[in-house]
Amino acid sequence: MDADGILEAIFSIENYGELLVLVQNSIWAGAVLGLLGGLVGTFVMKRDLAFAVHGISELSFAGAAFALLIGADIVFGSLIGSVAAALLLGLMGVRARDKNSIIGVIMPFGLGLGILFLSLYEGRAANKFGLLTGQIVSVDVVQLQALAGTVVVVMVALVAIWRPLNFASVDPELAEARGVPVRTLAIVFMVLLGISVALSIQVVGALLVLALLITPAAAALRVTSSPAAVVALSVAFALTATVGGILLALGGRIAISPYVTTLSFLIYLVCRVMGSVRKGRGINGRVAAGTA
């Protein structure tokens, strides 16, 4: 394939307007998932659970692959796998060392199961590929409503535990001494995280779910230390990556995940540079003030 062919495969404006009308529900679904990813991601970073997200996504992938094999609902299978992994980590991974060890065991096991189920599946190859890398699907009104309803439930639960969870995330020892149910909150959040992972796989696939649940929040933390600003920027960055990725993928012939992950990475890169510049100016300002 020549350079023009590669560019056309990545993005083409041919029939773009007609295609845009057909995927409005998918765009709304991406926006809803971006909102969820931005909110949940802030606590993922605070609680140092980036590695856990990857581990949960592997069992979520296995559950989705098994559902695909037996002809069941893929989203339901993904949810079962994610929640099972999240509960396992929440109940067994009390210490960071234990948690990382458990995740290291879960990841290859889940990935191996998923590959086994996909190997046994004799249907369309696109269905297999989509579980790993995401894809734009035809989201109907019923599916969009179900997705939005699930996201609303997760967000309401997250808002309900926001203050004690934030306290337990910043200083778990002091929070426990003050009577905050740290262990219970950890388990509840892991379940919410598991649901978020399962829903995010619909957009970016099991292998690249970090682009929605990690990168936006990590980017936000690079440019601000204000808790409210971190949440707002994380949501804005996740929305930009998901909706922008869908809009770009609509004009191409490749999976959606490269668009979403590239946008997410570029946002992080810009924020990292901005953070470094601000830090450098701050240091220079203090040095100048000290020598004055």
C-alpha atoms as a PDB file:
ATOM      1  CA  MET A   1       0.000   0.000   0.000  1.00  0.00           C
ATOM      2  CA  ASP A   2       1.389   3.429  -0.972  1.00  0.00           C
ATOM      3  CA  ALA A   3       1.367   6.563   1.185  1.00  0.00           C
ATOM      4  CA  ASP A   4      -1.929   7.810  -0.274  1.00  0.00           C
ATOM      5  CA  GLY A   5      -3.561   4.457   0.416  1.00  0.00           C
ATOM      6  CA  ILE A   6      -2.343   4.514   4.007  1.00  0.00           C
ATOM      7  CA  LEU A   7      -3.680   8.029   4.548  1.00  0.00           C
ATOM      8  CA  GLU A   8      -7.027   7.081   3.020  1.00  0.00           C
ATOM      9  CA  ALA A   9      -7.253   4.064   5.325  1.00  0.00           C
ATOM     10  CA  ILE A  10      -6.571   6.291   8.326  1.00  0.00           C
ATOM     11  CA  PHE A  11      -8.992   9.058   7.401  1.00  0.00           C
ATOM     12  CA  SER A  12     -11.178   9.884   4.434  1.00  0.00           C
ATOM     13  CA  ILE A  13     -13.922  12.490   4.015  1.00  0.00           C
ATOM     14  CA  GLU A  14     -15.748  10.441   1.397  1.00  0.00           C
ATOM     15  CA  ASN A  15     -19.377   9.941   2.489  1.00  0.00           C
ATOM     16  CA  TYR A  16     -18.392  11.256   5.929  1.00  0.00           C
ATOM     17  CA  GLY A  17     -21.601  13.225   6.417  1.00  0.00           C
ATOM     18  CA  GLU A  18     -23.794  10.231   5.624  1.00  0.00           C
ATOM     19  CA  LEU A  19     -21.823   8.008   7.995  1.00  0.00           C
ATOM     20  CA  LEU A  20     -21.966  10.602  10.760  1.00  0.00           C
ATOM     21  CA  VAL A  21     -25.756  10.480  10.803  1.00  0.00           C
ATOM     22  CA  LEU A  22     -25.693   6.699  11.188  1.00  0.00           C
ATOM     23  CA  VAL A  23     -23.465   6.630  14.289  1.00  0.00           C
ATOM     24  CA  GLN A  24     -24.983   9.365  16.427  1.00  0.00           C
ATOM     25  CA  ASN A  25     -25.871   6.831  19.119  1.00  0.00           C
ATOM     26  CA  SER A  26     -22.284   5.552  19.080  1.00  0.00           C
ATOM     27  CA  ILE A  27     -21.010   9.099  19.586  1.00  0.00           C
ATOM     28  CA  TRP A  28     -23.314   9.574  22.548  1.00  0.00           C
ATOM     29  CA  ALA A  29     -22.197   6.213  23.918  1.00  0.00           C
ATOM     30  CA  GLY A  30     -18.566   7.320  23.605  1.00  0.00           C
ATOM     31  CA  ALA A  31     -19.348  10.574  25.401  1.00  0.00           C
ATOM     32  CA  VAL A  32     -21.030   8.711  28.252  1.00  0.00           C
ATOM     33  CA  LEU A  33     -18.066   6.354  28.600  1.00  0.00           C
ATOM     34  CA  GLY A  34     -15.637   9.266  28.443  1.00  0.00           C
ATOM     35  CA  LEU A  35     -17.463  10.958  31.308  1.00  0.00           C
ATOM     36  CA  LEU A  36     -17.326   7.784  33.375  1.00  0.00           C
ATOM     37  CA  GLY A  37     -13.677   7.133  32.569  1.00  0.00           C
ATOM     38  CA  GLY A  38     -12.656  10.645  33.527  1.00  0.00           C
ATOM     39  CA  LEU A  39     -14.380  10.428  36.921  1.00  0.00           C
ATOM     40  CA  VAL A  40     -13.254   6.924  37.857  1.00  0.00           C
ATOM     41  CA  GLY A  41      -9.742   7.561  36.581  1.00  0.00           C
ATOM     42  CA  THR A  42      -9.079  10.241  39.192  1.00  0.00           C
ATOM     43  CA  PHE A  43      -9.475   7.686  41.982  1.00  0.00           C
ATOM     44  CA  VAL A  44      -7.527   5.081  40.036  1.00  0.00           C
ATOM     45  CA  MET A  45      -4.555   7.458  40.078  1.00  0.00           C
ATOM     46  CA  LYS A  46      -5.043   8.450  43.716  1.00  0.00           C
ATOM     47  CA  ARG A  47      -5.185   4.815  44.803  1.00  0.00           C
ATOM     48  CA  ASP A  48      -2.332   3.706  42.513  1.00  0.00           C
ATOM     49  CA  LEU A  49      -4.499   1.147  40.698  1.00  0.00           C
ATOM     50  CA  ALA A  50      -3.221   1.556  37.142  1.00  0.00           C
ATOM     51  CA  PHE A  51      -1.829  -1.986  37.154  1.00  0.00           C
ATOM     52  CA  ALA A  52      -5.122  -3.277  38.576  1.00  0.00           C
ATOM     53  CA  VAL A  53      -7.062  -1.800  35.648  1.00  0.00           C
ATOM     54  CA  HIS A  54      -4.989  -3.860  33.250  1.00  0.00           C
ATOM     55  CA  GLY A  55      -5.492  -7.007  35.318  1.00  0.00           C
ATOM     56  CA  ILE A  56      -9.259  -6.498  35.491  1.00  0.00           C
ATOM     57  CA  SER A  57      -9.418  -5.881  31.748  1.00  0.00           C
ATOM     58  CA  GLU A  58      -7.870  -9.289  31.039  1.00  0.00           C
ATOM     59  CA  LEU A  59     -10.606 -11.159  32.927  1.00  0.00           C
ATOM     60  CA  SER A  60     -13.181  -8.853  31.393  1.00  0.00           C
ATOM     61  CA  PHE A  61     -11.828  -9.879  28.002  1.00  0.00           C
ATOM     62  CA  ALA A  62     -12.076 -13.544  28.996  1.00  0.00           C
ATOM     63  CA  GLY A  63     -15.695 -13.097  30.085  1.00  0.00           C
ATOM     64  CA  ALA A  64     -16.578 -11.299  26.847  1.00  0.00           C
ATOM     65  CA  ALA A  65     -14.825 -13.951  24.753  1.00  0.00           C
ATOM     66  CA  PHE A  66     -16.711 -16.745  26.548  1.00  0.00           C
ATOM     67  CA  ALA A  67     -20.020 -14.928  26.002  1.00  0.00           C
ATOM     68  CA  LEU A  68     -19.159 -14.572  22.311  1.00  0.00           C
ATOM     69  CA  LEU A  69     -18.370 -18.295  22.130  1.00  0.00           C
ATOM     70  CA  ILE A  70     -21.678 -19.438  23.644  1.00  0.00           C
ATOM     71  CA  GLY A  71     -23.783 -16.782  21.898  1.00  0.00           C
ATOM     72  CA  ALA A  72     -24.569 -14.763  25.034  1.00  0.00           C
ATOM     73  CA  ASP A  73     -24.503 -10.998  25.495  1.00  0.00           C
ATOM     74  CA  ILE A  74     -20.893  -9.819  25.234  1.00  0.00           C
ATOM     75  CA  VAL A  75     -21.340  -6.840  27.565  1.00  0.00           C
ATOM     76  CA  PHE A  76     -22.840  -9.069  30.255  1.00  0.00           C
ATOM     77  CA  GLY A  77     -19.954 -11.534  29.924  1.00  0.00           C
ATOM     78  CA  SER A  78     -17.478  -8.676  30.139  1.00  0.00           C
ATOM     79  CA  LEU A  79     -19.186  -7.371  33.282  1.00  0.00           C
ATOM     80  CA  ILE A  80     -19.068 -10.775  34.950  1.00  0.00           C
ATOM     81  CA  GLY A  81     -15.344 -11.119  34.256  1.00  0.00           C
ATOM     82  CA  SER A  82     -14.549  -7.578  35.394  1.00  0.00           C
ATOM     83  CA  VAL A  83     -16.549  -7.711  38.613  1.00  0.00           C
ATOM     84  CA  ALA A  84     -15.115 -11.138  39.491  1.00  0.00           C
ATOM     85  CA  ALA A  85     -11.576  -9.821  39.060  1.00  0.00           C
ATOM     86  CA  ALA A  86     -12.361  -6.622  40.969  1.00  0.00           C
ATOM     87  CA  LEU A  87     -13.860  -8.524  43.895  1.00  0.00           C
ATOM     88  CA  LEU A  88     -10.883 -10.870  43.977  1.00  0.00           C
ATOM     89  CA  LEU A  89      -8.469  -7.947  44.113  1.00  0.00           C
ATOM     90  CA  GLY A  90     -10.568  -6.079  46.647  1.00  0.00           C
ATOM     91  CA  LEU A  91     -10.905  -9.050  49.000  1.00  0.00           C
ATOM     92  CA  MET A  92      -7.402 -10.523  48.704  1.00  0.00           C
ATOM     93  CA  GLY A  93      -5.108  -7.660  47.795  1.00  0.00           C
ATOM     94  CA  VAL A  94      -4.930  -5.866  51.138  1.00  0.00           C
ATOM     95  CA  ARG A  95      -1.287  -4.837  50.850  1.00  0.00           C
ATOM     96  CA  ALA A  96       0.246  -3.348  47.724  1.00  0.00           C
ATOM     97  CA  ARG A  97       2.680  -6.247  47.389  1.00  0.00           C
ATOM     98  CA  ASP A  98      -0.128  -8.806  47.650  1.00  0.00           C
ATOM     99  CA  LYS A  99      -2.271  -6.857  45.187  1.00  0.00           C
ATOM    100  CA  ASN A 100       0.470  -6.683  42.566  1.00  0.00           C
ATOM    101  CA  SER A 101       1.204 -10.386  42.959  1.00  0.00           C
ATOM    102  CA  ILE A 102      -2.458 -11.280  42.480  1.00  0.00           C
ATOM    103  CA  ILE A 103      -2.726  -9.019  39.441  1.00  0.00           C
ATOM    104  CA  GLY A 104       0.391 -10.636  37.978  1.00  0.00           C
ATOM    105  CA  VAL A 105      -1.320 -14.019  38.299  1.00  0.00           C
ATOM    106  CA  ILE A 106      -4.702 -12.852  36.981  1.00  0.00           C
ATOM    107  CA  MET A 107      -3.386 -11.129  33.853  1.00  0.00           C
ATOM    108  CA  PRO A 108      -1.888 -14.122  32.011  1.00  0.00           C
ATOM    109  CA  PHE A 109      -4.694 -16.394  33.222  1.00  0.00           C
ATOM    110  CA  GLY A 110      -7.408 -14.093  31.893  1.00  0.00           C
ATOM    111  CA  LEU A 111      -5.587 -13.448  28.641  1.00  0.00           C
ATOM    112  CA  GLY A 112      -5.004 -17.165  28.129  1.00  0.00           C
ATOM    113  CA  LEU A 113      -8.670 -17.973  28.739  1.00  0.00           C
ATOM    114  CA  GLY A 114      -9.759 -15.229  26.362  1.00  0.00           C
ATOM    115  CA  ILE A 115      -7.484 -16.478  23.593  1.00  0.00           C
ATOM    116  CA  LEU A 116      -8.730 -20.031  24.154  1.00  0.00           C
ATOM    117  CA  PHE A 117     -12.370 -18.965  23.817  1.00  0.00           C
ATOM    118  CA  LEU A 118     -11.645 -16.895  20.719  1.00  0.00           C
ATOM    119  CA  SER A 119      -9.778 -19.821  19.184  1.00  0.00           C
ATOM    120  CA  LEU A 120     -12.849 -22.004  19.664  1.00  0.00           C
ATOM    121  CA  TYR A 121     -15.172 -19.334  18.240  1.00  0.00           C
ATOM    122  CA  GLU A 122     -16.007 -19.986  14.588  1.00  0.00           C
ATOM    123  CA  GLY A 123     -17.890 -16.784  13.809  1.00  0.00           C
ATOM    124  CA  ARG A 124     -16.775 -13.527  12.200  1.00  0.00           C
ATOM    125  CA  ALA A 125     -13.145 -12.559  12.685  1.00  0.00           C
ATOM    126  CA  ALA A 126     -14.202  -8.924  13.208  1.00  0.00           C
ATOM    127  CA  ASN A 127     -15.983  -9.928  16.408  1.00  0.00           C
ATOM    128  CA  LYS A 128     -12.761 -11.411  17.773  1.00  0.00           C
ATOM    129  CA  PHE A 129     -10.679  -8.416  16.789  1.00  0.00           C
ATOM    130  CA  GLY A 130     -13.167  -5.983  18.271  1.00  0.00           C
ATOM    131  CA  LEU A 131     -12.865  -7.464  21.765  1.00  0.00           C
ATOM    132  CA  LEU A 132      -9.149  -6.725  21.789  1.00  0.00           C
ATOM    133  CA  THR A 133      -8.961  -3.372  20.041  1.00  0.00           C
ATOM    134  CA  GLY A 134     -12.477  -1.931  20.095  1.00  0.00           C
ATOM    135  CA  GLN A 135     -14.688  -1.014  17.176  1.00  0.00           C
ATOM    136  CA  ILE A 136     -17.516   1.299  16.154  1.00  0.00           C
ATOM    137  CA  VAL A 137     -20.697  -0.684  16.388  1.00  0.00           C
ATOM    138  CA  SER A 138     -24.241   0.201  15.523  1.00  0.00           C
ATOM    139  CA  VAL A 139     -25.599   1.259  18.897  1.00  0.00           C
ATOM    140  CA  ASP A 140     -29.362   1.362  18.913  1.00  0.00           C
ATOM    141  CA  VAL A 141     -31.530   3.389  21.271  1.00  0.00           C
ATOM    142  CA  VAL A 142     -32.148   0.473  23.648  1.00  0.00           C
ATOM    143  CA  GLN A 143     -28.408  -0.265  23.956  1.00  0.00           C
ATOM    144  CA  LEU A 144     -27.628   3.404  24.505  1.00  0.00           C
ATOM    145  CA  GLN A 145     -30.271   3.677  27.210  1.00  0.00           C
ATOM    146  CA  ALA A 146     -28.958   0.550  28.946  1.00  0.00           C
ATOM    147  CA  LEU A 147     -25.410   1.875  28.796  1.00  0.00           C
ATOM    148  CA  ALA A 148     -26.407   5.312  30.054  1.00  0.00           C
ATOM    149  CA  GLY A 149     -28.466   3.763  32.860  1.00  0.00           C
ATOM    150  CA  THR A 150     -25.543   1.623  34.005  1.00  0.00           C
ATOM    151  CA  VAL A 151     -23.192   4.602  33.919  1.00  0.00           C
ATOM    152  CA  VAL A 152     -25.643   6.709  35.935  1.00  0.00           C
ATOM    153  CA  VAL A 153     -25.829   3.989  38.611  1.00  0.00           C
ATOM    154  CA  VAL A 154     -22.024   3.824  38.817  1.00  0.00           C
ATOM    155  CA  MET A 155     -21.718   7.614  38.985  1.00  0.00           C
ATOM    156  CA  VAL A 156     -24.392   7.934  41.680  1.00  0.00           C
ATOM    157  CA  ALA A 157     -22.624   5.282  43.752  1.00  0.00           C
ATOM    158  CA  LEU A 158     -19.293   7.045  43.224  1.00  0.00           C
ATOM    159  CA  VAL A 159     -20.712  10.421  44.276  1.00  0.00           C
ATOM    160  CA  ALA A 160     -22.288   8.813  47.357  1.00  0.00           C
ATOM    161  CA  ILE A 161     -18.896   7.586  48.611  1.00  0.00           C
ATOM    162  CA  TRP A 162     -16.826  10.438  47.150  1.00  0.00           C
ATOM    163  CA  ARG A 163     -15.739  12.198  50.360  1.00  0.00           C
ATOM    164  CA  PRO A 164     -14.861   9.138  52.485  1.00  0.00           C
ATOM    165  CA  LEU A 165     -13.270   7.438  49.462  1.00  0.00           C
ATOM    166  CA  ASN A 166     -11.161  10.525  48.798  1.00  0.00           C
ATOM    167  CA  PHE A 167     -10.091  10.603  52.455  1.00  0.00           C
ATOM    168  CA  ALA A 168      -9.253   6.890  52.405  1.00  0.00           C
ATOM    169  CA  SER A 169      -7.332   7.303  49.140  1.00  0.00           C
ATOM    170  CA  VAL A 170      -5.161  10.184  50.389  1.00  0.00           C
ATOM    171  CA  ASP A 171      -4.440   8.890  53.910  1.00  0.00           C
ATOM    172  CA  PRO A 172      -5.859   5.385  54.546  1.00  0.00           C
ATOM    173  CA  GLU A 173      -4.262   5.011  58.001  1.00  0.00           C
ATOM    174  CA  LEU A 174      -5.700   8.257  59.330  1.00  0.00           C
ATOM    175  CA  ALA A 175      -9.055   7.543  57.691  1.00  0.00           C
ATOM    176  CA  GLU A 176      -9.239   4.146  59.384  1.00  0.00           C
ATOM    177  CA  ALA A 177      -8.306   5.707  62.718  1.00  0.00           C
ATOM    178  CA  ARG A 178     -11.174   8.179  62.256  1.00  0.00           C
ATOM    179  CA  GLY A 179     -13.632   5.326  61.757  1.00  0.00           C
ATOM    180  CA  VAL A 180     -13.881   5.389  57.971  1.00  0.00           C
ATOM    181  CA  PRO A 181     -14.653   1.877  56.624  1.00  0.00           C
ATOM    182  CA  VAL A 182     -11.526   1.789  54.464  1.00  0.00           C
ATOM    183  CA  ARG A 183     -11.733  -1.891  53.506  1.00  0.00           C
ATOM    184  CA  THR A 184     -15.421  -1.715  52.587  1.00  0.00           C
ATOM    185  CA  LEU A 185     -14.835   1.399  50.510  1.00  0.00           C
ATOM    186  CA  ALA A 186     -11.967  -0.336  48.733  1.00  0.00           C
ATOM    187  CA  ILE A 187     -14.180  -3.277  47.782  1.00  0.00           C
ATOM    188  CA  VAL A 188     -17.037  -1.022  46.642  1.00  0.00           C
ATOM    189  CA  PHE A 189     -14.704   1.061  44.503  1.00  0.00           C
ATOM    190  CA  MET A 190     -13.134  -2.037  42.968  1.00  0.00           C
ATOM    191  CA  VAL A 191     -16.592  -3.218  41.910  1.00  0.00           C
ATOM    192  CA  LEU A 192     -17.326   0.203  40.385  1.00  0.00           C
ATOM    193  CA  LEU A 193     -13.942   0.059  38.660  1.00  0.00           C
ATOM    194  CA  GLY A 194     -14.722  -3.406  37.314  1.00  0.00           C
ATOM    195  CA  ILE A 195     -17.981  -2.179  35.809  1.00  0.00           C
ATOM    196  CA  SER A 196     -16.191   0.822  34.293  1.00  0.00           C
ATOM    197  CA  VAL A 197     -13.548  -1.406  32.719  1.00  0.00           C
ATOM    198  CA  ALA A 198     -16.184  -3.679  31.199  1.00  0.00           C
ATOM    199  CA  LEU A 199     -18.058  -0.741  29.697  1.00  0.00           C
ATOM    200  CA  SER A 200     -14.881   0.928  28.393  1.00  0.00           C
ATOM    201  CA  ILE A 201     -13.850  -2.229  26.529  1.00  0.00           C
ATOM    202  CA  GLN A 202     -16.700  -1.544  24.103  1.00  0.00           C
ATOM    203  CA  VAL A 203     -14.783   1.495  22.835  1.00  0.00           C
ATOM    204  CA  VAL A 204     -11.064   0.728  23.052  1.00  0.00           C
ATOM    205  CA  GLY A 205     -10.958  -3.026  23.628  1.00  0.00           C
ATOM    206  CA  ALA A 206      -9.398  -5.041  26.430  1.00  0.00           C
ATOM    207  CA  LEU A 207      -5.795  -4.282  25.499  1.00  0.00           C
ATOM    208  CA  LEU A 208      -6.102  -0.488  25.472  1.00  0.00           C
ATOM    209  CA  VAL A 209      -8.583   0.263  28.228  1.00  0.00           C
ATOM    210  CA  LEU A 210      -5.911   2.262  30.079  1.00  0.00           C
ATOM    211  CA  ALA A 211      -6.404   5.065  27.547  1.00  0.00           C
ATOM    212  CA  LEU A 212      -9.788   5.872  29.120  1.00  0.00           C
ATOM    213  CA  LEU A 213      -9.243   5.042  32.777  1.00  0.00           C
ATOM    214  CA  ILE A 214      -5.636   6.143  33.304  1.00  0.00           C
ATOM    215  CA  THR A 215      -4.256   8.582  30.740  1.00  0.00           C
ATOM    216  CA  PRO A 216      -6.829  11.424  31.080  1.00  0.00           C
ATOM    217  CA  ALA A 217      -6.458  11.570  34.867  1.00  0.00           C
ATOM    218  CA  ALA A 218      -2.670  11.256  34.615  1.00  0.00           C
ATOM    219  CA  ALA A 219      -2.642  14.168  32.167  1.00  0.00           C
ATOM    220  CA  ALA A 220      -4.805  16.293  34.455  1.00  0.00           C
ATOM    221  CA  LEU A 221      -2.482  15.683  37.393  1.00  0.00           C
ATOM    222  CA  ARG A 222       0.397  17.043  35.317  1.00  0.00           C
ATOM    223  CA  VAL A 223      -1.102  20.520  35.014  1.00  0.00           C
ATOM    224  CA  THR A 224      -2.958  21.078  38.286  1.00  0.00           C
ATOM    225  CA  SER A 225      -3.015  19.990  41.914  1.00  0.00           C
ATOM    226  CA  SER A 226      -6.530  21.249  42.620  1.00  0.00           C
ATOM    227  CA  PRO A 227      -8.830  18.264  43.288  1.00  0.00           C
ATOM    228  CA  ALA A 228     -11.784  19.901  41.533  1.00  0.00           C
ATOM    229  CA  ALA A 229      -9.677  20.933  38.545  1.00  0.00           C
ATOM    230  CA  VAL A 230      -8.198  17.431  38.253  1.00  0.00           C
ATOM    231  CA  VAL A 231     -11.682  15.914  38.027  1.00  0.00           C
ATOM    232  CA  ALA A 232     -12.897  18.515  35.513  1.00  0.00           C
ATOM    233  CA  LEU A 233      -9.828  18.197  33.284  1.00  0.00           C
ATOM    234  CA  SER A 234      -9.816  14.397  33.502  1.00  0.00           C
ATOM    235  CA  VAL A 235     -13.423  14.293  32.283  1.00  0.00           C
ATOM    236  CA  ALA A 236     -12.704  16.850  29.548  1.00  0.00           C
ATOM    237  CA  PHE A 237      -9.658  14.918  28.331  1.00  0.00           C
ATOM    238  CA  ALA A 238     -11.508  11.575  28.348  1.00  0.00           C
ATOM    239  CA  LEU A 239     -14.447  13.076  26.443  1.00  0.00           C
ATOM    240  CA  THR A 240     -12.094  14.600  23.884  1.00  0.00           C
ATOM    241  CA  ALA A 241     -10.288  11.299  23.344  1.00  0.00           C
ATOM    242  CA  THR A 242     -13.405   9.142  23.037  1.00  0.00           C
ATOM    243  CA  VAL A 243     -15.652  11.399  20.972  1.00  0.00           C
ATOM    244  CA  GLY A 244     -12.734  12.683  18.911  1.00  0.00           C
ATOM    245  CA  GLY A 245     -11.523   9.141  18.344  1.00  0.00           C
ATOM    246  CA  ILE A 246     -14.939   8.021  17.122  1.00  0.00           C
ATOM    247  CA  LEU A 247     -15.219  10.985  14.770  1.00  0.00           C
ATOM    248  CA  LEU A 248     -11.771  10.294  13.319  1.00  0.00           C
ATOM    249  CA  ALA A 249     -12.325   6.536  13.067  1.00  0.00           C
ATOM    250  CA  LEU A 250     -15.555   7.130  11.187  1.00  0.00           C
ATOM    251  CA  GLY A 251     -13.564   8.317   8.195  1.00  0.00           C
ATOM    252  CA  GLY A 252     -11.082   5.428   8.272  1.00  0.00           C
ATOM    253  CA  ARG A 253     -10.987   1.697   7.792  1.00  0.00           C
ATOM    254  CA  ILE A 254      -9.118   0.681  10.907  1.00  0.00           C
ATOM    255  CA  ALA A 255     -10.223  -0.018  14.482  1.00  0.00           C
ATOM    256  CA  ILE A 256     -11.228   2.853  16.722  1.00  0.00           C
ATOM    257  CA  SER A 257      -8.609   2.236  19.433  1.00  0.00           C
ATOM    258  CA  PRO A 258      -5.594   3.793  17.631  1.00  0.00           C
ATOM    259  CA  TYR A 259      -7.501   7.061  17.281  1.00  0.00           C
ATOM    260  CA  VAL A 260      -8.626   7.146  20.916  1.00  0.00           C
ATOM    261  CA  THR A 261      -5.249   6.122  22.320  1.00  0.00           C
ATOM    262  CA  THR A 262      -3.338   8.546  20.081  1.00  0.00           C
ATOM    263  CA  LEU A 263      -5.520  11.488  21.094  1.00  0.00           C
ATOM    264  CA  SER A 264      -5.231  10.471  24.728  1.00  0.00           C
ATOM    265  CA  PHE A 265      -1.444  10.186  24.467  1.00  0.00           C
ATOM    266  CA  LEU A 266      -1.114  13.564  22.713  1.00  0.00           C
ATOM    267  CA  ILE A 267      -3.174  15.206  25.449  1.00  0.00           C
ATOM    268  CA  TYR A 268      -0.922  13.633  28.079  1.00  0.00           C
ATOM    269  CA  LEU A 269       2.206  14.708  26.190  1.00  0.00           C
ATOM    270  CA  VAL A 270       1.030  18.329  25.978  1.00  0.00           C
ATOM    271  CA  CYS A 271       0.096  18.345  29.666  1.00  0.00           C
ATOM    272  CA  ARG A 272       3.443  16.850  30.627  1.00  0.00           C
ATOM    273  CA  VAL A 273       5.298  19.562  28.706  1.00  0.00           C
ATOM    274  CA  MET A 274       3.108  22.261  30.249  1.00  0.00           C
ATOM    275  CA  GLY A 275       3.702  20.840  33.703  1.00  0.00           C
ATOM    276  CA  SER A 276       7.451  20.755  33.177  1.00  0.00           C
ATOM    277  CA  VAL A 277       7.456  24.355  31.961  1.00  0.00           C
ATOM    278  CA  ARG A 278       5.417  25.509  34.965  1.00  0.00           C
ATOM    279  CA  LYS A 279       7.680  23.611  37.337  1.00  0.00           C
ATOM    280  CA  GLY A 280      10.762  25.144  35.739  1.00  0.00           C
ATOM    281  CA  ARG A 281       9.320  28.647  36.031  1.00  0.00           C
ATOM    282  CA  GLY A 282       8.439  28.011  39.659  1.00  0.00           C
ATOM    283  CA  ILE A 283      11.975  26.891  40.479  1.00  0.00           C
ATOM    284  CA  ASN A 284      13.488  29.846  38.631  1.00  0.00           C
ATOM    285  CA  GLY A 285      11.143  32.224  40.447  1.00  0.00           C
ATOM    286  CA  ARG A 286      12.143  30.885  43.847  1.00  0.00           C
ATOM    287  CA  VAL A 287      15.825  31.079  42.974  1.00  0.00           C
ATOM    288  CA  ALA A 288      15.410  34.679  41.785  1.00  0.00           C
ATOM    289  CA  ALA A 289      13.521  35.592  44.955  1.00  0.00           C
ATOM    290  CA  GLY A 290      16.239  34.018  47.085  1.00  0.00           C
ATOM    291  CA  THR A 291      19.005  35.952  45.422  1.00  0.00           C
ATOM    292  CA  ALA A 292      17.144  39.268  45.495  1.00  0.00           C
END
